[in-house]
Amino acid sequence: YALGELGLVDVLAARRLAEDSALAEQRALLDAIEAVTRVQVDAHE
């Protein structure tokens, strides 16, 4: 965009994808924590 090859709309779309990816990574982290803790709870650890 700075070089004039793309418009601001393209930049905003790319940033929305980055935002959604950050949220998805955060959810995946919590899913992994829950899954490991579930095993430990079931094993009475």
All heavy atoms as atom14 arrays in JSON, in Angstrom:
{
  "sequence": "YALGELGLVDVLAARRLAEDSALAEQRALLDAIEAVTRVQVDAHE",
  "atom14_mask": [
    [1, 1, 1, 1, 1, 1, 1, 1, 1, 1, 1, 1, 0, 0],
    [1, 1, 1, 1, 1, 0, 0, 0, 0, 0, 0, 0, 0, 0],
    [1, 1, 1, 1, 1, 1, 1, 1, 0, 0, 0, 0, 0, 0],
    [1, 1, 1, 1, 0, 0, 0, 0, 0, 0, 0, 0, 0, 0],
    [1, 1, 1, 1, 1, 1, 1, 1, 1, 0, 0, 0, 0, 0],
    [1, 1, 1, 1, 1, 1, 1, 1, 0, 0, 0, 0, 0, 0],
    [1, 1, 1, 1, 0, 0, 0, 0, 0, 0, 0, 0, 0, 0],
    [1, 1, 1, 1, 1, 1, 1, 1, 0, 0, 0, 0, 0, 0],
    [1, 1, 1, 1, 1, 1, 1, 0, 0, 0, 0, 0, 0, 0],
    [1, 1, 1, 1, 1, 1, 1, 1, 0, 0, 0, 0, 0, 0],
    [1, 1, 1, 1, 1, 1, 1, 0, 0, 0, 0, 0, 0, 0],
    [1, 1, 1, 1, 1, 1, 1, 1, 0, 0, 0, 0, 0, 0],
    [1, 1, 1, 1, 1, 0, 0, 0, 0, 0, 0, 0, 0, 0],
    [1, 1, 1, 1, 1, 0, 0, 0, 0, 0, 0, 0, 0, 0],
    [1, 1, 1, 1, 1, 1, 1, 1, 1, 1, 1, 0, 0, 0],
    [1, 1, 1, 1, 1, 1, 1, 1, 1, 1, 1, 0, 0, 0],
    [1, 1, 1, 1, 1, 1, 1, 1, 0, 0, 0, 0, 0, 0],
    [1, 1, 1, 1, 1, 0, 0, 0, 0, 0, 0, 0, 0, 0],
    [1, 1, 1, 1, 1, 1, 1, 1, 1, 0, 0, 0, 0, 0],
    [1, 1, 1, 1, 1, 1, 1, 1, 0, 0, 0, 0, 0, 0],
    [1, 1, 1, 1, 1, 1, 0, 0, 0, 0, 0, 0, 0, 0],
    [1, 1, 1, 1, 1, 0, 0, 0, 0, 0, 0, 0, 0, 0],
    [1, 1, 1, 1, 1, 1, 1, 1, 0, 0, 0, 0, 0, 0],
    [1, 1, 1, 1, 1, 0, 0, 0, 0, 0, 0, 0, 0, 0],
    [1, 1, 1, 1, 1, 1, 1, 1, 1, 0, 0, 0, 0, 0],
    [1, 1, 1, 1, 1, 1, 1, 1, 1, 0, 0, 0, 0, 0],
    [1, 1, 1, 1, 1, 1, 1, 1, 1, 1, 1, 0, 0, 0],
    [1, 1, 1, 1, 1, 0, 0, 0, 0, 0, 0, 0, 0, 0],
    [1, 1, 1, 1, 1, 1, 1, 1, 0, 0, 0, 0, 0, 0],
    [1, 1, 1, 1, 1, 1, 1, 1, 0, 0, 0, 0, 0, 0],
    [1, 1, 1, 1, 1, 1, 1, 1, 0, 0, 0, 0, 0, 0],
    [1, 1, 1, 1, 1, 0, 0, 0, 0, 0, 0, 0, 0, 0],
    [1, 1, 1, 1, 1, 1, 1, 1, 0, 0, 0, 0, 0, 0],
    [1, 1, 1, 1, 1, 1, 1, 1, 1, 0, 0, 0, 0, 0],
    [1, 1, 1, 1, 1, 0, 0, 0, 0, 0, 0, 0, 0, 0],
    [1, 1, 1, 1, 1, 1, 1, 0, 0, 0, 0, 0, 0, 0],
    [1, 1, 1, 1, 1, 1, 1, 0, 0, 0, 0, 0, 0, 0],
    [1, 1, 1, 1, 1, 1, 1, 1, 1, 1, 1, 0, 0, 0],
    [1, 1, 1, 1, 1, 1, 1, 0, 0, 0, 0, 0, 0, 0],
    [1, 1, 1, 1, 1, 1, 1, 1, 1, 0, 0, 0, 0, 0],
    [1, 1, 1, 1, 1, 1, 1, 0, 0, 0, 0, 0, 0, 0],
    [1, 1, 1, 1, 1, 1, 1, 1, 0, 0, 0, 0, 0, 0],
    [1, 1, 1, 1, 1, 0, 0, 0, 0, 0, 0, 0, 0, 0],
    [1, 1, 1, 1, 1, 1, 1, 1, 1, 1, 0, 0, 0, 0],
    [1, 1, 1, 1, 1, 1, 1, 1, 1, 0, 0, 0, 0, 0]
  ],
  "atom14_positions": [
    [[0.83, -1.21, 0.0], [0.0, 0.0, 0.0], [0.87, 1.26, 0.0], [0.57, 2.26, -0.68], [-0.92, -0.02, 1.22], [-1.72, 1.24, 1.41], [-2.83, 1.5, 0.62], [-1.34, 2.19, 2.37], [-3.57, 2.67, 0.79], [-2.06, 3.35, 2.54], [-3.18, 3.59, 1.75], [-3.9, 4.75, 1.9], [0.0, 0.0, 0.0], [0.0, 0.0, 0.0]],
    [[1.96, 1.21, 0.76], [2.86, 2.37, 0.81], [3.49, 2.64, -0.54], [3.79, 3.79, -0.89], [3.94, 2.15, 1.87], [0.0, 0.0, 0.0], [0.0, 0.0, 0.0], [0.0, 0.0, 0.0], [0.0, 0.0, 0.0], [0.0, 0.0, 0.0], [0.0, 0.0, 0.0], [0.0, 0.0, 0.0], [0.0, 0.0, 0.0], [0.0, 0.0, 0.0]],
    [[3.69, 1.58, -1.34], [4.28, 1.74, -2.67], [3.22, 2.05, -3.73], [3.55, 2.19, -4.92], [5.03, 0.47, -3.06], [6.25, 0.13, -2.19], [6.81, -1.24, -2.59], [7.32, 1.21, -2.33], [0.0, 0.0, 0.0], [0.0, 0.0, 0.0], [0.0, 0.0, 0.0], [0.0, 0.0, 0.0], [0.0, 0.0, 0.0], [0.0, 0.0, 0.0]],
    [[1.95, 2.11, -3.3], [0.89, 2.42, -4.24], [0.4, 1.23, -5.03], [-0.34, 1.41, -6.01], [0.0, 0.0, 0.0], [0.0, 0.0, 0.0], [0.0, 0.0, 0.0], [0.0, 0.0, 0.0], [0.0, 0.0, 0.0], [0.0, 0.0, 0.0], [0.0, 0.0, 0.0], [0.0, 0.0, 0.0], [0.0, 0.0, 0.0], [0.0, 0.0, 0.0]],
    [[0.79, 0.04, -4.64], [0.38, -1.15, -5.39], [-0.99, -1.67, -4.95], [-1.65, -2.39, -5.71], [1.43, -2.26, -5.21], [2.81, -1.87, -5.75], [3.85, -2.93, -5.44], [3.49, -3.93, -4.78], [5.01, -2.76, -5.85], [0.0, 0.0, 0.0], [0.0, 0.0, 0.0], [0.0, 0.0, 0.0], [0.0, 0.0, 0.0], [0.0, 0.0, 0.0]],
    [[-1.41, -1.38, -3.72], [-2.69, -1.82, -3.2], [-3.39, -0.65, -2.53], [-2.77, 0.36, -2.19], [-2.5, -2.96, -2.18], [-1.93, -4.28, -2.7], [-1.67, -5.24, -1.55], [-2.88, -4.91, -3.71], [0.0, 0.0, 0.0], [0.0, 0.0, 0.0], [0.0, 0.0, 0.0], [0.0, 0.0, 0.0], [0.0, 0.0, 0.0], [0.0, 0.0, 0.0]],
    [[-4.71, -0.81, -2.35], [-5.47, 0.23, -1.7], [-5.64, -0.04, -0.21], [-5.28, -1.1, 0.31], [0.0, 0.0, 0.0], [0.0, 0.0, 0.0], [0.0, 0.0, 0.0], [0.0, 0.0, 0.0], [0.0, 0.0, 0.0], [0.0, 0.0, 0.0], [0.0, 0.0, 0.0], [0.0, 0.0, 0.0], [0.0, 0.0, 0.0], [0.0, 0.0, 0.0]],
    [[-6.21, 0.96, 0.48], [-6.42, 0.82, 1.92], [-7.37, -0.31, 2.25], [-7.22, -0.98, 3.29], [-6.95, 2.15, 2.48], [-7.21, 2.18, 3.99], [-5.94, 1.91, 4.76], [-7.85, 3.5, 4.41], [0.0, 0.0, 0.0], [0.0, 0.0, 0.0], [0.0, 0.0, 0.0], [0.0, 0.0, 0.0], [0.0, 0.0, 0.0], [0.0, 0.0, 0.0]],
    [[-8.32, -0.58, 1.38], [-9.27, -1.67, 1.63], [-8.54, -3.01, 1.74], [-8.86, -3.84, 2.6], [-10.34, -1.73, 0.53], [-11.24, -2.94, 0.72], [-11.17, -0.44, 0.53], [0.0, 0.0, 0.0], [0.0, 0.0, 0.0], [0.0, 0.0, 0.0], [0.0, 0.0, 0.0], [0.0, 0.0, 0.0], [0.0, 0.0, 0.0], [0.0, 0.0, 0.0]],
    [[-7.53, -3.2, 0.89], [-6.76, -4.45, 0.97], [-6.0, -4.55, 2.29], [-5.91, -5.62, 2.89], [-5.77, -4.5, -0.2], [-6.48, -4.53, -1.54], [-7.47, -5.27, -1.66], [-6.04, -3.8, -2.45], [0.0, 0.0, 0.0], [0.0, 0.0, 0.0], [0.0, 0.0, 0.0], [0.0, 0.0, 0.0], [0.0, 0.0, 0.0], [0.0, 0.0, 0.0]],
    [[-5.49, -3.41, 2.74], [-4.75, -3.41, 4.01], [-5.7, -3.75, 5.17], [-5.38, -4.57, 6.04], [-4.09, -2.04, 4.24], [-3.42, -2.0, 5.62], [-3.08, -1.75, 3.16], [0.0, 0.0, 0.0], [0.0, 0.0, 0.0], [0.0, 0.0, 0.0], [0.0, 0.0, 0.0], [0.0, 0.0, 0.0], [0.0, 0.0, 0.0], [0.0, 0.0, 0.0]],
    [[-6.89, -3.13, 5.14], [-7.83, -3.4, 6.23], [-8.28, -4.85, 6.24], [-8.46, -5.45, 7.3], [-9.03, -2.46, 6.1], [-8.72, -0.96, 6.2], [-10.0, -0.14, 6.08], [-8.0, -0.64, 7.5], [0.0, 0.0, 0.0], [0.0, 0.0, 0.0], [0.0, 0.0, 0.0], [0.0, 0.0, 0.0], [0.0, 0.0, 0.0], [0.0, 0.0, 0.0]],
    [[-8.48, -5.42, 5.05], [-8.89, -6.83, 4.97], [-7.8, -7.74, 5.54], [-8.08, -8.7, 6.27], [-9.2, -7.21, 3.53], [0.0, 0.0, 0.0], [0.0, 0.0, 0.0], [0.0, 0.0, 0.0], [0.0, 0.0, 0.0], [0.0, 0.0, 0.0], [0.0, 0.0, 0.0], [0.0, 0.0, 0.0], [0.0, 0.0, 0.0], [0.0, 0.0, 0.0]],
    [[-6.55, -7.42, 5.21], [-5.45, -8.22, 5.74], [-5.37, -8.1, 7.25], [-5.08, -9.07, 7.96], [-4.14, -7.79, 5.09], [0.0, 0.0, 0.0], [0.0, 0.0, 0.0], [0.0, 0.0, 0.0], [0.0, 0.0, 0.0], [0.0, 0.0, 0.0], [0.0, 0.0, 0.0], [0.0, 0.0, 0.0], [0.0, 0.0, 0.0], [0.0, 0.0, 0.0]],
    [[-5.63, -6.9, 7.78], [-5.56, -6.71, 9.22], [-6.72, -7.41, 9.93], [-6.57, -7.89, 11.04], [-5.55, -5.22, 9.53], [-4.16, -4.62, 9.38], [-3.2, -5.39, 10.25], [-1.8, -5.13, 9.91], [-0.8, -5.8, 10.42], [-1.03, -6.79, 11.25], [0.44, -5.53, 10.06], [0.0, 0.0, 0.0], [0.0, 0.0, 0.0], [0.0, 0.0, 0.0]],
    [[-7.9, -7.44, 9.32], [-9.01, -8.18, 9.93], [-8.68, -9.66, 10.02], [-9.01, -10.34, 11.0], [-10.28, -7.95, 9.13], [-10.84, -6.54, 9.21], [-12.24, -6.47, 8.62], [-12.68, -5.09, 8.48], [-12.61, -4.39, 7.37], [-12.12, -4.95, 6.27], [-13.04, -3.14, 7.32], [0.0, 0.0, 0.0], [0.0, 0.0, 0.0], [0.0, 0.0, 0.0]],
    [[-8.01, -10.16, 8.97], [-7.59, -11.56, 9.01], [-6.58, -11.79, 10.13], [-6.63, -12.81, 10.83], [-6.99, -11.96, 7.66], [-6.45, -13.39, 7.56], [-7.57, -14.41, 7.83], [-5.81, -13.63, 6.2], [0.0, 0.0, 0.0], [0.0, 0.0, 0.0], [0.0, 0.0, 0.0], [0.0, 0.0, 0.0], [0.0, 0.0, 0.0], [0.0, 0.0, 0.0]],
    [[-5.68, -10.83, 10.33], [-4.7, -10.96, 11.42], [-5.39, -10.93, 12.78], [-5.03, -11.67, 13.7], [-3.66, -9.84, 11.31], [0.0, 0.0, 0.0], [0.0, 0.0, 0.0], [0.0, 0.0, 0.0], [0.0, 0.0, 0.0], [0.0, 0.0, 0.0], [0.0, 0.0, 0.0], [0.0, 0.0, 0.0], [0.0, 0.0, 0.0], [0.0, 0.0, 0.0]],
    [[-6.41, -10.06, 12.92], [-7.15, -10.02, 14.17], [-7.85, -11.34, 14.44], [-7.8, -11.89, 15.57], [-8.2, -8.9, 14.11], [-7.63, -7.5, 14.1], [-8.72, -6.47, 13.97], [-9.92, -6.86, 14.0], [-8.4, -5.27, 13.85], [0.0, 0.0, 0.0], [0.0, 0.0, 0.0], [0.0, 0.0, 0.0], [0.0, 0.0, 0.0], [0.0, 0.0, 0.0]],
    [[-8.53, -11.87, 13.44], [-9.24, -13.14, 13.62], [-8.26, -14.27, 13.92], [-8.57, -15.18, 14.72], [-10.05, -13.47, 12.36], [-11.2, -12.49, 12.14], [-11.6, -11.83, 13.13], [-11.69, -12.38, 11.0], [0.0, 0.0, 0.0], [0.0, 0.0, 0.0], [0.0, 0.0, 0.0], [0.0, 0.0, 0.0], [0.0, 0.0, 0.0], [0.0, 0.0, 0.0]],
    [[-7.09, -14.24, 13.31], [-6.09, -15.28, 13.58], [-5.59, -15.19, 15.02], [-5.35, -16.21, 15.68], [-4.92, -15.15, 12.6], [-5.34, -15.38, 11.27], [0.0, 0.0, 0.0], [0.0, 0.0, 0.0], [0.0, 0.0, 0.0], [0.0, 0.0, 0.0], [0.0, 0.0, 0.0], [0.0, 0.0, 0.0], [0.0, 0.0, 0.0], [0.0, 0.0, 0.0]],
    [[-5.43, -13.95, 15.52], [-5.01, -13.79, 16.91], [-6.07, -14.33, 17.86], [-5.75, -15.01, 18.86], [-4.74, -12.32, 17.21], [0.0, 0.0, 0.0], [0.0, 0.0, 0.0], [0.0, 0.0, 0.0], [0.0, 0.0, 0.0], [0.0, 0.0, 0.0], [0.0, 0.0, 0.0], [0.0, 0.0, 0.0], [0.0, 0.0, 0.0], [0.0, 0.0, 0.0]],
    [[-7.34, -14.07, 17.56], [-8.41, -14.59, 18.41], [-8.48, -16.11, 18.34], [-8.67, -16.79, 19.35], [-9.75, -13.98, 17.97], [-10.97, -14.37, 18.81], [-10.81, -13.91, 20.24], [-12.24, -13.78, 18.19], [0.0, 0.0, 0.0], [0.0, 0.0, 0.0], [0.0, 0.0, 0.0], [0.0, 0.0, 0.0], [0.0, 0.0, 0.0], [0.0, 0.0, 0.0]],
    [[-8.31, -16.66, 17.15], [-8.35, -18.11, 16.99], [-7.19, -18.78, 17.73], [-7.34, -19.85, 18.33], [-8.32, -18.48, 15.51], [0.0, 0.0, 0.0], [0.0, 0.0, 0.0], [0.0, 0.0, 0.0], [0.0, 0.0, 0.0], [0.0, 0.0, 0.0], [0.0, 0.0, 0.0], [0.0, 0.0, 0.0], [0.0, 0.0, 0.0], [0.0, 0.0, 0.0]],
    [[-6.01, -18.14, 17.68], [-4.86, -18.71, 18.41], [-5.1, -18.68, 19.91], [-4.75, -19.61, 20.64], [-3.61, -17.9, 18.05], [-2.31, -18.5, 18.57], [-1.95, -17.99, 19.94], [-2.45, -16.91, 20.32], [-1.17, -18.67, 20.65], [0.0, 0.0, 0.0], [0.0, 0.0, 0.0], [0.0, 0.0, 0.0], [0.0, 0.0, 0.0], [0.0, 0.0, 0.0]],
    [[-5.74, -17.61, 20.39], [-6.05, -17.51, 21.81], [-7.02, -18.6, 22.23], [-6.88, -19.24, 23.28], [-6.63, -16.12, 22.09], [-7.01, -15.88, 23.54], [-7.52, -14.47, 23.72], [-6.77, -13.55, 23.97], [-8.83, -14.29, 23.58], [0.0, 0.0, 0.0], [0.0, 0.0, 0.0], [0.0, 0.0, 0.0], [0.0, 0.0, 0.0], [0.0, 0.0, 0.0]],
    [[-8.04, -18.84, 21.41], [-9.0, -19.9, 21.71], [-8.34, -21.27, 21.67], [-8.64, -22.14, 22.49], [-10.16, -19.84, 20.72], [-11.07, -18.64, 20.92], [-12.1, -18.53, 19.82], [-13.03, -17.44, 20.03], [-13.9, -17.0, 19.13], [-13.94, -17.56, 17.93], [-14.72, -15.99, 19.42], [0.0, 0.0, 0.0], [0.0, 0.0, 0.0], [0.0, 0.0, 0.0]],
    [[-7.46, -21.47, 20.71], [-6.76, -22.75, 20.62], [-5.89, -22.99, 21.85], [-5.77, -24.12, 22.33], [-5.92, -22.8, 19.35], [0.0, 0.0, 0.0], [0.0, 0.0, 0.0], [0.0, 0.0, 0.0], [0.0, 0.0, 0.0], [0.0, 0.0, 0.0], [0.0, 0.0, 0.0], [0.0, 0.0, 0.0], [0.0, 0.0, 0.0], [0.0, 0.0, 0.0]],
    [[-5.28, -21.92, 22.37], [-4.48, -22.06, 23.58], [-5.34, -22.51, 24.75], [-4.98, -23.42, 25.51], [-3.8, -20.73, 23.89], [-2.89, -20.7, 25.13], [-1.65, -19.88, 24.87], [-3.65, -20.12, 26.33], [0.0, 0.0, 0.0], [0.0, 0.0, 0.0], [0.0, 0.0, 0.0], [0.0, 0.0, 0.0], [0.0, 0.0, 0.0], [0.0, 0.0, 0.0]],
    [[-6.53, -21.89, 24.9], [-7.42, -22.28, 25.99], [-7.95, -23.69, 25.79], [-8.12, -24.45, 26.75], [-8.57, -21.28, 26.08], [-8.24, -19.97, 26.78], [-9.29, -18.92, 26.5], [-8.09, -20.19, 28.27], [0.0, 0.0, 0.0], [0.0, 0.0, 0.0], [0.0, 0.0, 0.0], [0.0, 0.0, 0.0], [0.0, 0.0, 0.0], [0.0, 0.0, 0.0]],
    [[-8.22, -24.07, 24.54], [-8.64, -25.45, 24.26], [-7.58, -26.45, 24.69], [-7.89, -27.5, 25.26], [-8.96, -25.61, 22.77], [-10.21, -24.87, 22.35], [-10.99, -24.49, 23.24], [-10.39, -24.67, 21.14], [0.0, 0.0, 0.0], [0.0, 0.0, 0.0], [0.0, 0.0, 0.0], [0.0, 0.0, 0.0], [0.0, 0.0, 0.0], [0.0, 0.0, 0.0]],
    [[-6.32, -26.13, 24.42], [-5.23, -27.03, 24.78], [-5.08, -27.13, 26.29], [-4.86, -28.22, 26.83], [-3.92, -26.55, 24.14], [0.0, 0.0, 0.0], [0.0, 0.0, 0.0], [0.0, 0.0, 0.0], [0.0, 0.0, 0.0], [0.0, 0.0, 0.0], [0.0, 0.0, 0.0], [0.0, 0.0, 0.0], [0.0, 0.0, 0.0], [0.0, 0.0, 0.0]],
    [[-5.2, -26.0, 26.99], [-5.11, -26.02, 28.45], [-6.25, -26.86, 29.04], [-6.05, -27.67, 29.94], [-5.14, -24.58, 29.01], [-3.88, -23.83, 28.59], [-5.28, -24.6, 30.52], [-3.89, -22.37, 28.98], [0.0, 0.0, 0.0], [0.0, 0.0, 0.0], [0.0, 0.0, 0.0], [0.0, 0.0, 0.0], [0.0, 0.0, 0.0], [0.0, 0.0, 0.0]],
    [[-7.46, -26.64, 28.52], [-8.61, -27.41, 29.02], [-8.44, -28.9, 28.77], [-8.74, -29.73, 29.63], [-9.9, -26.91, 28.37], [-11.13, -27.67, 28.84], [-12.39, -27.28, 28.1], [-12.28, -26.67, 27.01], [-13.49, -27.6, 28.58], [0.0, 0.0, 0.0], [0.0, 0.0, 0.0], [0.0, 0.0, 0.0], [0.0, 0.0, 0.0], [0.0, 0.0, 0.0]],
    [[-7.96, -29.27, 27.58], [-7.82, -30.68, 27.23], [-6.81, -31.38, 28.13], [-7.05, -32.51, 28.6], [-7.43, -30.82, 25.77], [0.0, 0.0, 0.0], [0.0, 0.0, 0.0], [0.0, 0.0, 0.0], [0.0, 0.0, 0.0], [0.0, 0.0, 0.0], [0.0, 0.0, 0.0], [0.0, 0.0, 0.0], [0.0, 0.0, 0.0], [0.0, 0.0, 0.0]],
    [[-5.68, -30.73, 28.39], [-4.66, -31.33, 29.26], [-5.18, -31.42, 30.69], [-5.01, -32.45, 31.37], [-3.36, -30.53, 29.2], [-2.37, -31.02, 30.25], [-2.73, -30.65, 27.81], [0.0, 0.0, 0.0], [0.0, 0.0, 0.0], [0.0, 0.0, 0.0], [0.0, 0.0, 0.0], [0.0, 0.0, 0.0], [0.0, 0.0, 0.0], [0.0, 0.0, 0.0]],
    [[-5.84, -30.37, 31.15], [-6.38, -30.39, 32.52], [-7.47, -31.44, 32.65], [-7.59, -32.09, 33.7], [-6.94, -29.01, 32.88], [-5.95, -28.01, 32.64], [-7.34, -28.96, 34.34], [0.0, 0.0, 0.0], [0.0, 0.0, 0.0], [0.0, 0.0, 0.0], [0.0, 0.0, 0.0], [0.0, 0.0, 0.0], [0.0, 0.0, 0.0], [0.0, 0.0, 0.0]],
    [[-8.25, -31.65, 31.61], [-9.29, -32.68, 31.65], [-8.67, -34.06, 31.87], [-9.18, -34.88, 32.66], [-10.1, -32.65, 30.35], [-11.08, -33.81, 30.18], [-12.16, -33.83, 31.22], [-13.01, -35.01, 31.04], [-14.06, -35.07, 30.23], [-14.41, -34.0, 29.52], [-14.77, -36.18, 30.13], [0.0, 0.0, 0.0], [0.0, 0.0, 0.0], [0.0, 0.0, 0.0]],
    [[-7.57, -34.34, 31.19], [-6.88, -35.61, 31.41], [-6.42, -35.71, 32.86], [-6.58, -36.76, 33.52], [-5.69, -35.75, 30.44], [-4.88, -37.0, 30.77], [-6.19, -35.82, 29.0], [0.0, 0.0, 0.0], [0.0, 0.0, 0.0], [0.0, 0.0, 0.0], [0.0, 0.0, 0.0], [0.0, 0.0, 0.0], [0.0, 0.0, 0.0], [0.0, 0.0, 0.0]],
    [[-5.85, -34.65, 33.39], [-5.35, -34.68, 34.76], [-6.49, -34.82, 35.77], [-6.34, -35.48, 36.79], [-4.55, -33.41, 35.03], [-3.28, -33.31, 34.19], [-2.61, -31.96, 34.29], [-3.24, -30.96, 34.64], [-1.32, -31.91, 34.0], [0.0, 0.0, 0.0], [0.0, 0.0, 0.0], [0.0, 0.0, 0.0], [0.0, 0.0, 0.0], [0.0, 0.0, 0.0]],
    [[-7.62, -34.19, 35.49], [-8.78, -34.34, 36.37], [-9.3, -35.77, 36.33], [-9.59, -36.38, 37.37], [-9.88, -33.34, 35.98], [-11.19, -33.67, 36.69], [-9.46, -31.92, 36.32], [0.0, 0.0, 0.0], [0.0, 0.0, 0.0], [0.0, 0.0, 0.0], [0.0, 0.0, 0.0], [0.0, 0.0, 0.0], [0.0, 0.0, 0.0], [0.0, 0.0, 0.0]],
    [[-9.42, -36.33, 35.13], [-9.9, -37.71, 35.01], [-8.94, -38.7, 35.66], [-9.37, -39.75, 36.14], [-10.1, -38.08, 33.54], [-11.36, -37.44, 32.95], [-12.12, -36.84, 33.72], [-11.55, -37.52, 31.73], [0.0, 0.0, 0.0], [0.0, 0.0, 0.0], [0.0, 0.0, 0.0], [0.0, 0.0, 0.0], [0.0, 0.0, 0.0], [0.0, 0.0, 0.0]],
    [[-7.66, -38.37, 35.67], [-6.66, -39.24, 36.31], [-6.51, -38.93, 37.8], [-5.68, -39.55, 38.47], [-5.31, -39.08, 35.62], [0.0, 0.0, 0.0], [0.0, 0.0, 0.0], [0.0, 0.0, 0.0], [0.0, 0.0, 0.0], [0.0, 0.0, 0.0], [0.0, 0.0, 0.0], [0.0, 0.0, 0.0], [0.0, 0.0, 0.0], [0.0, 0.0, 0.0]],
    [[-7.33, -37.97, 38.31], [-7.3, -37.61, 39.73], [-5.94, -37.06, 40.16], [-5.51, -37.27, 41.3], [-7.71, -38.79, 40.61], [-9.1, -39.28, 40.34], [-9.41, -40.06, 39.24], [-10.25, -39.12, 41.01], [-10.7, -40.33, 39.24], [-11.23, -39.77, 40.31], [0.0, 0.0, 0.0], [0.0, 0.0, 0.0], [0.0, 0.0, 0.0], [0.0, 0.0, 0.0]],
    [[-5.27, -36.39, 39.24], [-4.01, -35.74, 39.56], [-4.21, -34.32, 40.06], [-3.35, -33.77, 40.74], [-3.11, -35.73, 38.32], [-2.54, -37.09, 37.95], [-1.54, -37.6, 38.96], [-0.56, -36.9, 39.23], [-1.77, -38.7, 39.51], [0.0, 0.0, 0.0], [0.0, 0.0, 0.0], [0.0, 0.0, 0.0], [0.0, 0.0, 0.0], [0.0, 0.0, 0.0]]
  ]
}
